Amino acid sequence: NWPKAIQEADQAWSLDPSVLARETQARARTSSNPKEAAAFFEDVLRRGAERILAAPDSPGFHRLIEVELELGILLDNLGEKQRSRPHLEAFLAVRSVSGLSSKAAVDVTKRLQVP
């Protein structure tokens, strides 16, 4: 029920405009309003240090990499290839350093090959 999810995410934001609340707003809007979700994900990335250091969950850096991936895919799906590229490349850079492979890395590689 995405309307309720959006309502609850917005209420959380109104109580505490934290980077975690902003990320929750973005995720709630991914299907219903990808442009707004992308704007919220961009805000999360701008506040990356806060996400890593001040968020109540410990894997903050890993969550930022997931946000890079999600934002890159959203922008790519919206036809904004140039805006999506740096986010997809950031995701791949971290994946290559970690030595991990995944379905997401394969998908991102394919997206980057398409002009």
Protein backbone atom coordinates (compact mmCIF):
# COMPACT_ATOMS: atom_id res chain seq x y z
CA ASN A 1 0.00 0.00 0.00
CA TRP A 2 2.28 2.78 -1.28
CA PRO A 3 -0.04 5.73 -0.46
CA LYS A 4 0.12 4.74 3.22
CA ALA A 5 3.87 4.18 3.00
CA ILE A 6 4.31 7.67 1.54
CA GLN A 7 2.08 9.18 4.22
CA GLU A 8 4.02 7.48 7.00
CA ALA A 9 7.39 8.38 5.48
CA ASP A 10 6.32 12.01 5.22
CA GLN A 11 5.12 11.96 8.82
CA ALA A 12 8.49 10.57 9.93
CA TRP A 13 10.21 13.38 8.00
CA SER A 14 8.02 16.00 9.68
CA LEU A 15 8.99 14.65 13.11
CA ASP A 16 12.70 14.25 12.35
CA PRO A 17 14.13 15.54 9.06
CA SER A 18 17.04 13.10 9.22
CA VAL A 19 18.83 11.54 6.29
CA LEU A 20 17.30 8.18 7.23
CA ALA A 21 13.80 9.69 7.05
CA ARG A 22 14.67 11.18 3.64
CA GLU A 23 15.85 7.79 2.42
CA THR A 24 12.58 6.27 3.63
CA GLN A 25 10.65 8.92 1.69
CA ALA A 26 12.64 8.07 -1.43
CA ARG A 27 12.05 4.35 -1.15
CA ALA A 28 8.32 4.88 -0.56
CA ARG A 29 8.07 6.85 -3.81
CA THR A 30 10.22 4.66 -6.07
CA SER A 31 7.25 3.06 -7.86
CA SER A 32 4.69 5.83 -7.69
CA ASN A 33 6.84 8.90 -8.40
CA PRO A 34 10.34 8.00 -9.62
CA LYS A 35 11.33 11.63 -10.32
CA GLU A 36 10.55 12.67 -6.77
CA ALA A 37 12.25 9.52 -5.45
CA ALA A 38 15.36 10.42 -7.46
CA ALA A 39 15.40 13.93 -5.96
CA PHE A 40 15.13 12.46 -2.46
CA PHE A 41 17.91 9.92 -3.16
CA GLU A 42 20.09 12.80 -4.40
CA ASP A 43 19.48 14.55 -1.08
CA VAL A 44 20.55 11.39 0.78
CA LEU A 45 23.80 11.33 -1.20
CA ARG A 46 24.44 15.03 -0.51
CA ARG A 47 24.08 14.20 3.17
CA GLY A 48 26.28 11.11 2.89
CA ALA A 49 28.50 11.87 5.87
CA GLU A 50 25.42 12.18 8.05
CA ARG A 51 24.12 8.86 6.70
CA ILE A 52 27.38 7.12 7.55
CA LEU A 53 28.08 8.71 10.93
CA ALA A 54 24.81 9.75 12.52
CA ALA A 55 22.28 7.21 11.30
CA PRO A 56 21.04 4.67 13.83
CA ASP A 57 22.02 1.70 11.69
CA SER A 58 25.63 0.60 11.41
CA PRO A 59 25.94 -0.26 7.70
CA GLY A 60 25.56 3.39 6.61
CA PHE A 61 28.30 3.26 3.96
CA HIS A 62 26.79 0.17 2.37
CA ARG A 63 23.38 1.84 2.34
CA LEU A 64 24.89 4.81 0.49
CA ILE A 65 26.22 2.47 -2.18
CA GLU A 66 22.75 0.98 -2.49
CA VAL A 67 21.36 4.50 -2.86
CA GLU A 68 23.90 5.15 -5.64
CA LEU A 69 22.61 2.02 -7.38
CA GLU A 70 18.93 2.81 -6.88
CA LEU A 71 19.33 6.41 -8.01
CA GLY A 72 21.35 5.36 -11.04
CA ILE A 73 18.70 2.84 -12.07
CA LEU A 74 15.84 5.30 -11.48
CA LEU A 75 17.52 7.97 -13.60
CA ASP A 76 18.40 5.43 -16.30
CA ASN A 77 14.79 4.23 -16.40
CA LEU A 78 13.66 7.86 -16.70
CA GLY A 79 15.89 8.18 -19.78
CA GLU A 80 18.41 10.42 -18.01
CA LYS A 81 21.47 8.42 -19.05
CA GLN A 82 24.05 11.16 -18.41
CA ARG A 83 22.76 11.81 -14.89
CA SER A 84 22.60 8.10 -14.11
CA ARG A 85 26.14 7.30 -15.26
CA PRO A 86 28.17 8.66 -12.29
CA HIS A 87 25.91 6.85 -9.82
CA LEU A 88 26.15 3.55 -11.68
CA GLU A 89 29.93 3.95 -12.03
CA ALA A 90 30.26 4.67 -8.28
CA PHE A 91 28.37 1.47 -7.53
CA LEU A 92 30.60 -0.55 -9.86
CA ALA A 93 33.77 1.00 -8.44
CA VAL A 94 32.91 -0.15 -4.94
CA ARG A 95 31.83 -3.56 -6.17
CA SER A 96 35.11 -4.03 -8.06
CA VAL A 97 37.22 -3.03 -5.04
CA SER A 98 35.32 -5.45 -2.84
CA GLY A 99 35.79 -8.25 -5.37
CA LEU A 100 32.12 -9.11 -5.18
CA SER A 101 29.98 -9.83 -8.18
CA SER A 102 26.23 -9.74 -8.33
CA LYS A 103 23.24 -9.60 -10.60
CA ALA A 104 23.13 -5.87 -9.92
CA ALA A 105 26.71 -5.45 -11.16
CA VAL A 106 25.86 -7.34 -14.35
CA ASP A 107 22.77 -5.15 -14.86
CA VAL A 108 24.75 -1.95 -14.25
CA THR A 109 27.46 -3.03 -16.68
CA LYS A 110 24.82 -3.58 -19.36
CA ARG A 111 23.20 -0.20 -18.63
CA LEU A 112 26.56 1.56 -18.99
CA GLN A 113 27.24 -0.11 -22.34
CA VAL A 114 24.08 1.32 -23.88
CA PRO A 115 24.73 4.84 -25.25
